[in-house]
Amino acid sequence: MLLYSCRGCESLKVVTDRRDGSSKDDAFGIAGVRYLRRLARLLGSYGWRAYALPLLTVVTVLVIVDAVKGGGESPIAAVPGLGRLSPHSKSGGIIGAPPRGDGAFAAGLPTGALPDGGSFTEAGAGHWHIVPGTSAQVGTGKGHPFTYTVEIEDGVGTSGFGGDDAVAHMVDATLANPKSWTHDRDFGFRRIDSGTPDFRVSLTSRKTTETSCGFEIPIDSSCFNADLGRVVLSEVRWVRGAVAFDGDIGSYRQYQINHEVGHAIGYHQHQPCETDGGLAPVMMQQTFGTHNDDIAALDPQGVVPKDGKRCRFNPWPYPRG
């Protein structure tokens, strides 16, 4: 008879006690007995670790599979939706600006107020110059590889935040980031400095932004003017950011670029906060708030419901990369 020193092996002794495993009462048969003898030796040598190691292996495999599939997230880390992609068009009016003040909209929004910060240009010359420089294409661009220029309105001084090249570098680096639009293989981007681009990323003074974006309520914002093919980035917001956006100014600039370029590549409709406590969709108007009730107060007839959901700031279309 075999002797075993491990706990939990007593249940095996009845079967393994039969040396030839041939008893008519043995439901396992000879092969089963041999297997149980090997298992008993393993338990005798390793004890509880014999159970723990296979279990740990299974759990590890499940975690890896879940990570690859991207499932199992908590609401806090949920990836926000991007909304409906509209057909790309170079003619479509002003997209993404605050609504016109025709009496149906709030005259102002506390969370849309401009925070304290550096100086900005109240009024520029109303025309822009291209920042020299090009880039290789980033992203696959299976659907349409977009070309863009980076432009600064004449009269806007950029020395306070690194100069024209620093603005262009921020645009290039943001669009090249795997958390940006190129995560979708349909999109690709290439910066040019001559010819006609698909859109022009344009840092613009307060007054020219108001003219280009066509809004009448007193909240500084950016927009995409499809008739001009121009992504209008408010220099006021580039310098100051937004009260409602809790991230640093660099993160806000990334949001500003990604949100308005999102409009330029076809994401025309804004998005509400979808998961309370989760990341805000990049197509949410985070300049005005990350709380659905705040956005709904600005535009009661808009796409954002007054449902109490509150998101955290997020500058990226695909924050998980």
Protein backbone atom coordinates (compact mmCIF):
# COMPACT_ATOMS: atom_id res chain seq x y z
CA MET A 1 0.00 0.00 0.00
CA LEU A 2 1.21 3.49 -0.77
CA LEU A 3 1.49 5.96 2.07
CA TYR A 4 0.66 9.66 1.58
CA SER A 5 1.51 12.54 3.84
CA CYS A 6 -0.53 15.27 2.11
CA ARG A 7 -3.83 16.58 3.37
CA GLY A 8 -6.86 15.78 1.24
CA CYS A 9 -5.35 12.53 -0.09
CA GLU A 10 -7.53 10.20 2.04
CA SER A 11 -10.21 10.17 -0.66
CA LEU A 12 -7.67 8.68 -3.07
CA LYS A 13 -6.54 5.82 -0.79
CA VAL A 14 -9.67 3.75 -1.35
CA VAL A 15 -8.95 3.54 -5.04
CA THR A 16 -5.17 3.43 -5.00
CA ASP A 17 -5.17 0.83 -2.25
CA ARG A 18 -6.16 -1.69 -4.92
CA ARG A 19 -2.75 -2.61 -6.33
CA ASP A 20 -3.93 -3.88 -9.69
CA GLY A 21 -6.95 -1.57 -10.04
CA SER A 22 -8.96 -4.55 -11.32
CA SER A 23 -11.71 -4.73 -8.72
CA LYS A 24 -15.21 -4.82 -10.16
CA ASP A 25 -16.04 -1.96 -7.75
CA ASP A 26 -13.35 0.23 -9.32
CA ALA A 27 -15.23 2.58 -11.67
CA PHE A 28 -12.02 4.18 -12.83
CA GLY A 29 -10.33 1.16 -14.32
CA ILE A 30 -6.58 0.58 -14.47
CA ALA A 31 -5.82 3.82 -16.28
CA GLY A 32 -7.84 5.78 -13.76
CA VAL A 33 -5.99 4.25 -10.85
CA ARG A 34 -2.64 5.04 -12.40
CA TYR A 35 -3.73 8.64 -12.92
CA LEU A 36 -4.88 8.96 -9.32
CA ARG A 37 -1.61 7.49 -8.06
CA ARG A 38 0.33 10.12 -10.01
CA LEU A 39 -1.96 12.83 -8.68
CA ALA A 40 -1.48 11.58 -5.15
CA ARG A 41 2.33 11.68 -5.52
CA LEU A 42 2.03 15.26 -6.85
CA LEU A 43 -0.09 16.30 -3.90
CA GLY A 44 2.30 14.59 -1.54
CA SER A 45 5.22 16.54 -2.95
CA TYR A 46 3.65 19.96 -3.44
CA GLY A 47 0.59 20.08 -1.20
CA TRP A 48 -1.74 23.05 -1.81
CA ARG A 49 0.64 24.41 -4.47
CA ALA A 50 -0.44 21.61 -6.77
CA TYR A 51 -3.91 23.18 -6.83
CA ALA A 52 -2.77 26.80 -6.87
CA LEU A 53 -0.36 26.66 -9.82
CA PRO A 54 -2.84 25.34 -12.43
CA LEU A 55 -5.50 27.74 -11.16
CA LEU A 56 -3.09 30.68 -11.42
CA THR A 57 -2.21 29.62 -14.97
CA VAL A 58 -5.88 29.55 -15.99
CA VAL A 59 -6.55 32.97 -14.43
CA THR A 60 -3.51 34.46 -16.16
CA VAL A 61 -4.64 33.16 -19.55
CA LEU A 62 -8.14 34.57 -19.01
CA VAL A 63 -6.73 37.99 -18.10
CA ILE A 64 -4.54 38.05 -21.20
CA VAL A 65 -7.44 37.05 -23.45
CA ASP A 66 -9.64 39.72 -21.87
CA ALA A 67 -6.98 42.39 -22.37
CA VAL A 68 -6.54 41.47 -26.02
CA LYS A 69 -10.29 41.58 -26.59
CA GLY A 70 -10.59 44.85 -24.66
CA GLY A 71 -13.46 43.62 -22.51
CA GLY A 72 -14.27 43.65 -18.85
CA GLU A 73 -13.73 47.35 -18.20
CA SER A 74 -15.23 49.12 -15.24
CA PRO A 75 -17.41 52.17 -16.02
CA ILE A 76 -14.60 54.46 -14.82
CA ALA A 77 -12.32 53.28 -17.61
CA ALA A 78 -14.99 52.80 -20.25
CA VAL A 79 -14.02 53.84 -23.75
CA PRO A 80 -16.38 56.60 -24.88
CA GLY A 81 -18.36 56.32 -28.09
CA LEU A 82 -17.62 58.53 -31.07
CA GLY A 83 -21.08 59.05 -32.46
CA ARG A 84 -22.18 58.83 -36.07
CA LEU A 85 -19.65 59.39 -38.83
CA SER A 86 -21.07 61.65 -41.53
CA PRO A 87 -19.84 61.62 -45.13
CA HIS A 88 -16.80 63.86 -45.56
CA SER A 89 -17.64 67.06 -47.35
CA LYS A 90 -15.81 70.31 -47.98
CA SER A 91 -19.10 72.19 -47.93
CA GLY A 92 -21.31 71.99 -44.90
CA GLY A 93 -21.36 75.25 -43.00
CA ILE A 94 -20.10 75.81 -39.49
CA ILE A 95 -19.80 72.68 -37.36
CA GLY A 96 -19.18 72.52 -33.64
CA ALA A 97 -19.75 76.17 -32.68
CA PRO A 98 -22.09 77.17 -29.84
CA PRO A 99 -25.68 77.66 -31.04
CA ARG A 100 -26.94 81.04 -32.15
CA GLY A 101 -28.60 83.12 -29.46
CA ASP A 102 -32.16 83.19 -30.75
CA GLY A 103 -33.83 83.04 -27.37
CA ALA A 104 -33.89 79.24 -27.10
CA PHE A 105 -30.43 79.04 -25.60
CA ALA A 106 -28.85 80.18 -22.37
CA ALA A 107 -27.10 83.53 -22.59
CA GLY A 108 -24.08 82.12 -20.79
CA LEU A 109 -22.82 79.13 -18.89
CA PRO A 110 -20.75 79.34 -15.70
CA THR A 111 -18.63 76.34 -16.64
CA GLY A 112 -17.96 77.95 -20.04
CA ALA A 113 -16.35 80.99 -18.45
CA LEU A 114 -12.76 81.76 -19.36
CA PRO A 115 -10.31 80.94 -16.56
CA ASP A 116 -7.51 83.27 -15.50
CA GLY A 117 -4.21 82.84 -17.31
CA GLY A 118 -1.87 84.25 -19.91
CA SER A 119 -2.49 87.03 -22.40
CA PHE A 120 -4.13 86.41 -25.76
CA THR A 121 -4.87 88.31 -28.96
CA GLU A 122 -8.25 90.03 -29.01
CA ALA A 123 -8.27 90.69 -32.76
CA GLY A 124 -5.93 89.50 -35.50
CA ALA A 125 -5.67 90.49 -39.15
CA GLY A 126 -8.34 88.09 -40.41
CA HIS A 127 -5.98 86.06 -42.57
CA TRP A 128 -3.49 83.31 -41.81
CA HIS A 129 0.03 82.24 -42.75
CA ILE A 130 1.13 78.61 -43.18
CA VAL A 131 3.74 77.29 -40.77
CA PRO A 132 6.47 75.73 -42.97
CA GLY A 133 6.96 72.02 -42.56
CA THR A 134 5.65 68.67 -43.72
CA SER A 135 5.29 65.20 -42.28
CA ALA A 136 5.14 61.62 -43.44
CA GLN A 137 1.71 60.07 -43.38
CA VAL A 138 0.60 58.71 -40.02
CA GLY A 139 -2.10 56.07 -39.88
CA THR A 140 -3.26 53.67 -42.55
CA GLY A 141 -5.83 55.93 -44.15
CA LYS A 142 -7.69 53.12 -45.91
CA GLY A 143 -10.78 55.29 -46.23
CA HIS A 144 -9.21 58.66 -46.90
CA PRO A 145 -5.71 59.91 -45.96
CA PHE A 146 -6.36 63.53 -45.04
CA THR A 147 -3.85 66.29 -45.76
CA TYR A 148 -3.66 69.34 -43.53
CA THR A 149 -1.73 72.55 -43.03
CA VAL A 150 -0.95 74.29 -39.75
CA GLU A 151 -1.66 78.02 -39.92
CA ILE A 152 -1.42 80.99 -37.56
CA GLU A 153 -3.54 84.10 -37.95
CA ASP A 154 -1.44 87.14 -38.73
CA GLY A 155 -1.31 89.33 -35.65
CA VAL A 156 -1.45 86.42 -33.20
CA GLY A 157 1.76 86.30 -31.19
CA THR A 158 2.90 82.77 -30.39
CA SER A 159 6.16 83.54 -28.57
CA GLY A 160 4.44 83.13 -25.21
CA PHE A 161 3.83 79.45 -25.91
CA GLY A 162 6.89 78.45 -27.90
CA GLY A 163 6.34 80.05 -31.31
CA ASP A 164 4.68 78.89 -34.53
CA ASP A 165 6.74 75.70 -34.72
CA ALA A 166 5.62 74.68 -31.24
CA VAL A 167 1.99 75.00 -32.30
CA ALA A 168 2.66 72.90 -35.41
CA HIS A 169 4.52 70.29 -33.36
CA MET A 170 1.58 69.97 -30.96
CA VAL A 171 -0.82 69.44 -33.87
CA ASP A 172 1.48 66.90 -35.56
CA ALA A 173 2.20 64.98 -32.35
CA THR A 174 -1.46 64.88 -31.35
CA LEU A 175 -2.65 63.49 -34.68
CA ALA A 176 0.21 60.96 -34.74
CA ASN A 177 -0.59 59.64 -31.27
CA PRO A 178 -2.08 56.11 -31.33
CA LYS A 179 -4.83 57.34 -29.00
CA SER A 180 -5.94 59.82 -31.66
CA TRP A 181 -7.93 59.23 -34.86
CA THR A 182 -5.36 56.99 -36.56
CA HIS A 183 -6.32 54.20 -34.16
CA ASP A 184 -9.10 53.73 -36.72
CA ARG A 185 -7.44 52.27 -39.82
CA ASP A 186 -9.76 54.27 -42.05
CA PHE A 187 -7.96 57.47 -41.08
CA GLY A 188 -4.52 58.78 -41.97
CA PHE A 189 -3.00 62.27 -41.88
CA ARG A 190 -0.19 64.00 -43.68
CA ARG A 191 0.93 67.57 -43.11
CA ILE A 192 1.73 69.70 -46.15
CA ASP A 193 2.78 73.33 -46.54
CA SER A 194 1.79 73.96 -50.16
CA GLY A 195 -1.13 73.12 -52.39
CA THR A 196 -4.72 72.68 -51.20
CA PRO A 197 -5.17 70.56 -48.07
CA ASP A 198 -8.31 68.76 -46.96
CA PHE A 199 -8.44 71.10 -43.97
CA ARG A 200 -6.40 73.87 -42.36
CA VAL A 201 -5.68 73.73 -38.64
CA SER A 202 -5.70 77.43 -37.79
CA LEU A 203 -4.84 79.14 -34.50
CA THR A 204 -7.13 82.16 -34.50
CA SER A 205 -7.74 85.31 -32.44
CA ARG A 206 -10.92 85.86 -30.43
CA LYS A 207 -12.68 88.23 -32.84
CA THR A 208 -11.80 86.27 -35.96
CA THR A 209 -12.91 83.06 -34.25
CA GLU A 210 -16.28 84.67 -33.54
CA THR A 211 -16.56 85.69 -37.19
CA SER A 212 -15.39 82.34 -38.56
CA CYS A 213 -17.50 80.26 -36.16
CA GLY A 214 -20.57 82.49 -36.32
CA PHE A 215 -21.78 82.16 -32.74
CA GLU A 216 -23.44 84.96 -30.82
CA ILE A 217 -23.45 83.82 -27.21
CA PRO A 218 -20.54 85.08 -25.09
CA ILE A 219 -18.60 81.84 -24.73
CA ASP A 220 -15.20 81.41 -26.38
CA SER A 221 -15.04 78.24 -28.43
CA SER A 222 -13.46 76.62 -31.47
CA CYS A 223 -15.20 75.12 -34.50
CA PHE A 224 -14.80 73.61 -37.94
CA ASN A 225 -15.90 75.87 -40.78
CA ALA A 226 -16.49 73.39 -43.59
CA ASP A 227 -17.13 76.14 -46.15
CA LEU A 228 -13.63 77.48 -45.48
CA GLY A 229 -12.11 74.04 -44.93
CA ARG A 230 -10.71 75.48 -41.73
CA VAL A 231 -10.35 73.97 -38.26
CA VAL A 232 -10.59 77.17 -36.22
CA LEU A 233 -8.70 76.80 -32.93
CA SER A 234 -9.52 79.58 -30.50
CA GLU A 235 -6.24 81.13 -29.35
CA VAL A 236 -8.04 82.27 -26.20
CA ARG A 237 -8.72 78.65 -25.28
CA TRP A 238 -5.26 77.54 -26.44
CA VAL A 239 -3.77 79.94 -23.87
CA ARG A 240 -6.33 79.65 -21.05
CA GLY A 241 -8.04 76.28 -21.41
CA ALA A 242 -11.46 75.80 -19.81
CA VAL A 243 -12.89 75.81 -16.29
CA ALA A 244 -14.77 72.56 -16.88
CA PHE A 245 -11.72 70.73 -18.22
CA ASP A 246 -9.78 69.50 -15.18
CA GLY A 247 -6.64 68.50 -17.09
CA ASP A 248 -3.51 70.55 -17.68
CA ILE A 249 -3.25 73.03 -20.56
CA GLY A 250 -1.36 70.54 -22.74
CA SER A 251 -4.17 68.01 -22.39
CA TYR A 252 -6.72 70.70 -23.21
CA ARG A 253 -4.86 71.59 -26.42
CA GLN A 254 -4.86 67.92 -27.39
CA TYR A 255 -8.61 67.83 -26.78
CA GLN A 256 -9.07 71.05 -28.78
CA ILE A 257 -7.22 69.56 -31.76
CA ASN A 258 -8.85 66.12 -31.61
CA HIS A 259 -12.37 67.47 -31.15
CA GLU A 260 -12.29 69.97 -34.02
CA VAL A 261 -10.40 67.62 -36.36
CA GLY A 262 -13.09 65.07 -35.48
CA HIS A 263 -15.64 67.46 -36.97
CA ALA A 264 -13.40 67.93 -40.03
CA ILE A 265 -13.19 64.19 -40.75
CA GLY A 266 -16.91 63.66 -40.41
CA TYR A 267 -17.96 63.42 -36.76
CA HIS A 268 -20.40 66.30 -36.99
CA GLN A 269 -22.65 65.60 -34.02
CA HIS A 270 -21.69 66.25 -30.43
CA GLN A 271 -21.90 63.50 -27.83
CA PRO A 272 -23.21 63.43 -24.25
CA CYS A 273 -21.54 61.86 -21.25
CA GLU A 274 -22.47 58.20 -21.68
CA THR A 275 -21.25 56.55 -18.48
CA ASP A 276 -21.52 58.37 -15.17
CA GLY A 277 -18.01 58.63 -13.74
CA GLY A 278 -16.39 57.46 -16.99
CA LEU A 279 -14.27 59.30 -19.51
CA ALA A 280 -15.98 61.98 -21.56
CA PRO A 281 -16.30 61.22 -25.27
CA VAL A 282 -13.86 63.41 -27.20
CA MET A 283 -16.84 64.70 -29.20
CA MET A 284 -18.48 66.00 -26.03
CA GLN A 285 -18.31 69.79 -25.67
CA GLN A 286 -15.85 69.60 -22.79
CA THR A 287 -15.01 73.29 -23.10
CA PHE A 288 -18.50 73.97 -21.72
CA GLY A 289 -18.70 71.08 -19.28
CA THR A 290 -18.30 67.38 -18.62
CA HIS A 291 -21.66 67.25 -16.86
CA ASN A 292 -24.64 66.58 -19.12
CA ASP A 293 -26.82 68.98 -17.12
CA ASP A 294 -24.44 71.86 -17.87
CA ILE A 295 -24.49 71.22 -21.61
CA ALA A 296 -28.26 70.74 -21.59
CA ALA A 297 -28.63 74.13 -19.89
CA LEU A 298 -26.79 75.75 -22.79
CA ASP A 299 -28.86 74.00 -25.45
CA PRO A 300 -32.06 72.48 -24.01
CA GLN A 301 -33.15 71.19 -27.43
CA GLY A 302 -29.80 69.63 -28.28
CA VAL A 303 -28.53 66.04 -28.25
CA VAL A 304 -27.39 66.09 -24.61
CA PRO A 305 -30.02 64.95 -22.08
CA LYS A 306 -30.40 66.47 -18.65
CA ASP A 307 -29.86 63.17 -16.87
CA GLY A 308 -27.33 64.00 -14.16
CA LYS A 309 -24.45 62.04 -15.70
CA ARG A 310 -21.02 63.49 -15.08
CA CYS A 311 -17.85 62.43 -16.91
CA ARG A 312 -14.14 63.04 -16.41
CA PHE A 313 -12.13 65.06 -18.91
CA ASN A 314 -10.63 63.16 -21.83
CA PRO A 315 -8.63 64.56 -24.77
CA TRP A 316 -8.54 61.37 -26.87
CA PRO A 317 -10.87 59.55 -29.28
CA TYR A 318 -9.34 56.22 -28.20
CA PRO A 319 -7.92 56.78 -24.69
CA ARG A 320 -6.85 53.13 -24.37
CA GLY A 321 -4.72 53.44 -27.50
